[in-house]
């Protein structure tokens, strides 16, 4: 994860509230990308995968949503 994203996460009021804040989106975990994909874990055990080149755009959109809460 690049430093810009880490800085944005650290600026959120309470990082430990992330799971509660995104409950309606069902996101529970986001893994960093490997050579093949990255994984987003959803409530209920579902998993979705993205291409490594989609990771930065996904994280940016997700953090923007969190920052708007």
N, C-alpha and C. Protein backbone atom coordinates (compact mmCIF):
# COMPACT_ATOMS: atom_id res chain seq x y z
N UNK A 1 0.87 -1.17 0.00
CA UNK A 1 0.00 0.00 0.00
C UNK A 1 0.91 1.22 0.00
N UNK A 2 0.57 2.20 -0.83
CA UNK A 2 1.47 3.35 -0.89
C UNK A 2 1.25 4.29 0.30
N UNK A 3 2.23 5.12 0.56
CA UNK A 3 2.23 5.99 1.75
C UNK A 3 1.05 6.95 1.76
N UNK A 4 0.61 7.40 0.60
CA UNK A 4 -0.53 8.33 0.54
C UNK A 4 -1.77 7.67 1.14
N UNK A 5 -2.02 6.41 0.82
CA UNK A 5 -3.18 5.71 1.37
C UNK A 5 -3.03 5.49 2.87
N UNK A 6 -1.84 5.15 3.30
CA UNK A 6 -1.59 4.94 4.73
C UNK A 6 -1.84 6.24 5.49
N UNK A 7 -1.36 7.36 4.95
CA UNK A 7 -1.59 8.65 5.59
C UNK A 7 -3.08 8.96 5.69
N UNK A 8 -3.84 8.68 4.64
CA UNK A 8 -5.29 8.93 4.66
C UNK A 8 -5.98 8.07 5.70
N UNK A 9 -5.56 6.81 5.81
CA UNK A 9 -6.14 5.92 6.83
C UNK A 9 -5.84 6.46 8.22
N UNK A 10 -4.60 6.88 8.43
CA UNK A 10 -4.22 7.40 9.75
C UNK A 10 -4.95 8.68 10.12
N UNK A 11 -5.42 9.43 9.13
CA UNK A 11 -6.16 10.67 9.40
C UNK A 11 -7.63 10.45 9.72
N UNK A 12 -8.13 9.25 9.49
CA UNK A 12 -9.53 8.97 9.82
C UNK A 12 -9.71 9.10 11.33
N UNK A 13 -10.89 9.55 11.78
CA UNK A 13 -11.11 9.79 13.21
C UNK A 13 -10.83 8.58 14.09
N UNK A 14 -11.23 7.41 13.67
CA UNK A 14 -11.05 6.22 14.48
C UNK A 14 -10.92 5.02 13.56
N UNK A 15 -9.71 4.59 13.31
CA UNK A 15 -9.49 3.48 12.39
C UNK A 15 -10.22 2.23 12.84
N UNK A 16 -10.39 2.07 14.15
CA UNK A 16 -11.05 0.87 14.65
C UNK A 16 -12.54 0.86 14.35
N UNK A 17 -13.09 1.97 13.88
CA UNK A 17 -14.50 2.02 13.51
C UNK A 17 -14.73 1.57 12.08
N UNK A 18 -13.69 1.22 11.34
CA UNK A 18 -13.84 0.91 9.92
C UNK A 18 -14.85 -0.20 9.67
N UNK A 19 -14.79 -1.28 10.45
CA UNK A 19 -15.71 -2.39 10.21
C UNK A 19 -17.16 -1.95 10.38
N UNK A 20 -17.43 -1.12 11.37
CA UNK A 20 -18.80 -0.66 11.59
C UNK A 20 -19.21 0.32 10.49
N UNK A 21 -18.31 1.17 10.07
CA UNK A 21 -18.64 2.17 9.07
C UNK A 21 -18.99 1.58 7.72
N UNK A 22 -18.36 0.49 7.36
CA UNK A 22 -18.58 -0.07 6.03
C UNK A 22 -19.51 -1.27 6.04
N UNK A 23 -20.21 -1.47 7.12
CA UNK A 23 -21.06 -2.65 7.22
C UNK A 23 -22.07 -2.73 6.08
N UNK A 24 -22.66 -1.62 5.68
CA UNK A 24 -23.66 -1.69 4.62
C UNK A 24 -23.03 -2.04 3.30
N UNK A 25 -21.75 -1.84 3.13
CA UNK A 25 -21.06 -2.26 1.91
C UNK A 25 -20.56 -3.70 2.03
N UNK A 26 -20.61 -4.25 3.22
CA UNK A 26 -20.23 -5.64 3.49
C UNK A 26 -18.73 -5.91 3.39
N UNK A 27 -17.90 -4.90 3.33
CA UNK A 27 -16.46 -5.11 3.25
C UNK A 27 -15.91 -5.34 4.65
N UNK A 28 -15.16 -6.44 4.80
CA UNK A 28 -14.53 -6.73 6.08
C UNK A 28 -13.01 -6.69 5.98
N UNK A 29 -12.45 -7.14 4.88
CA UNK A 29 -11.00 -7.15 4.72
C UNK A 29 -10.63 -6.77 3.29
N UNK A 30 -9.46 -6.19 3.16
CA UNK A 30 -8.89 -5.90 1.85
C UNK A 30 -7.42 -6.32 1.92
N UNK A 31 -7.05 -7.29 1.10
CA UNK A 31 -5.66 -7.75 1.08
C UNK A 31 -4.87 -6.94 0.06
N UNK A 32 -3.59 -6.81 0.30
CA UNK A 32 -2.73 -6.13 -0.67
C UNK A 32 -2.55 -7.03 -1.89
N UNK A 33 -2.32 -6.43 -3.04
CA UNK A 33 -2.24 -7.24 -4.26
C UNK A 33 -0.96 -8.08 -4.33
N UNK A 34 -1.09 -9.22 -4.99
CA UNK A 34 0.08 -10.03 -5.32
C UNK A 34 0.25 -9.95 -6.85
N UNK A 35 0.95 -10.86 -7.45
CA UNK A 35 1.18 -10.81 -8.89
C UNK A 35 -0.08 -11.11 -9.70
N UNK A 36 -1.06 -11.73 -9.08
CA UNK A 36 -2.25 -12.18 -9.80
C UNK A 36 -3.49 -11.35 -9.52
N UNK A 37 -3.73 -11.01 -8.24
CA UNK A 37 -4.97 -10.33 -7.87
C UNK A 37 -4.86 -9.71 -6.48
N UNK A 38 -5.96 -9.10 -6.04
CA UNK A 38 -6.12 -8.75 -4.63
C UNK A 38 -7.50 -9.20 -4.23
N UNK A 39 -7.67 -9.46 -2.93
CA UNK A 39 -8.92 -10.05 -2.44
C UNK A 39 -9.61 -9.08 -1.50
N UNK A 40 -10.93 -8.98 -1.65
CA UNK A 40 -11.77 -8.22 -0.74
C UNK A 40 -12.70 -9.22 -0.07
N UNK A 41 -12.60 -9.31 1.26
CA UNK A 41 -13.45 -10.20 2.03
C UNK A 41 -14.73 -9.48 2.43
N UNK A 42 -15.84 -10.12 2.20
CA UNK A 42 -17.15 -9.54 2.50
C UNK A 42 -17.83 -10.31 3.62
N UNK A 43 -18.78 -9.67 4.26
CA UNK A 43 -19.56 -10.31 5.31
C UNK A 43 -20.20 -11.58 4.75
N UNK A 44 -20.32 -12.58 5.58
CA UNK A 44 -20.92 -13.83 5.15
C UNK A 44 -19.92 -14.76 4.50
N UNK A 45 -18.63 -14.38 4.48
CA UNK A 45 -17.61 -15.25 3.94
C UNK A 45 -17.39 -15.13 2.44
N UNK A 46 -18.10 -14.25 1.79
CA UNK A 46 -17.90 -14.07 0.35
C UNK A 46 -16.58 -13.36 0.10
N UNK A 47 -15.96 -13.67 -1.03
CA UNK A 47 -14.73 -13.02 -1.43
C UNK A 47 -14.84 -12.58 -2.88
N UNK A 48 -14.33 -11.41 -3.18
CA UNK A 48 -14.25 -10.95 -4.56
C UNK A 48 -12.80 -10.60 -4.85
N UNK A 49 -12.44 -10.68 -6.10
CA UNK A 49 -11.05 -10.48 -6.49
C UNK A 49 -10.96 -9.38 -7.54
N UNK A 50 -9.87 -8.65 -7.48
CA UNK A 50 -9.60 -7.62 -8.46
C UNK A 50 -8.21 -7.82 -9.05
N UNK A 51 -7.99 -7.21 -10.19
CA UNK A 51 -6.67 -7.27 -10.82
C UNK A 51 -5.72 -6.35 -10.07
N UNK A 52 -4.44 -6.69 -10.01
CA UNK A 52 -3.49 -5.83 -9.29
C UNK A 52 -3.53 -4.38 -9.76
N UNK A 53 -3.73 -4.15 -11.05
CA UNK A 53 -3.75 -2.78 -11.57
C UNK A 53 -5.01 -2.00 -11.15
N UNK A 54 -6.01 -2.68 -10.59
CA UNK A 54 -7.23 -2.03 -10.13
C UNK A 54 -7.13 -1.62 -8.65
N UNK A 55 -6.10 -2.08 -7.96
CA UNK A 55 -6.00 -1.90 -6.51
C UNK A 55 -5.98 -0.42 -6.09
N UNK A 56 -5.12 0.38 -6.68
CA UNK A 56 -5.01 1.78 -6.26
C UNK A 56 -6.32 2.54 -6.47
N UNK A 57 -6.97 2.32 -7.59
CA UNK A 57 -8.26 2.99 -7.84
C UNK A 57 -9.31 2.52 -6.84
N UNK A 58 -9.31 1.22 -6.51
CA UNK A 58 -10.27 0.69 -5.55
C UNK A 58 -10.05 1.29 -4.17
N UNK A 59 -8.78 1.29 -3.71
CA UNK A 59 -8.47 1.83 -2.39
C UNK A 59 -8.81 3.32 -2.33
N UNK A 60 -8.52 4.06 -3.38
CA UNK A 60 -8.84 5.49 -3.41
C UNK A 60 -10.34 5.71 -3.28
N UNK A 61 -11.12 4.96 -4.01
CA UNK A 61 -12.58 5.09 -3.95
C UNK A 61 -13.10 4.70 -2.57
N UNK A 62 -12.57 3.63 -2.01
CA UNK A 62 -12.99 3.16 -0.69
C UNK A 62 -12.63 4.18 0.39
N UNK A 63 -11.41 4.72 0.35
CA UNK A 63 -11.01 5.72 1.33
C UNK A 63 -11.83 7.00 1.18
N UNK A 64 -12.13 7.39 -0.04
CA UNK A 64 -12.98 8.57 -0.25
C UNK A 64 -14.35 8.37 0.40
N UNK A 65 -14.89 7.17 0.27
CA UNK A 65 -16.18 6.87 0.89
C UNK A 65 -16.06 6.97 2.40
N UNK A 66 -14.99 6.38 2.98
CA UNK A 66 -14.80 6.44 4.43
C UNK A 66 -14.65 7.88 4.91
N UNK A 67 -13.90 8.68 4.17
CA UNK A 67 -13.67 10.06 4.56
C UNK A 67 -14.95 10.90 4.49
N UNK A 68 -15.91 10.46 3.69
CA UNK A 68 -17.17 11.20 3.57
C UNK A 68 -18.16 10.87 4.68
N UNK A 69 -17.88 9.86 5.47
CA UNK A 69 -18.79 9.44 6.54
C UNK A 69 -18.77 10.42 7.66
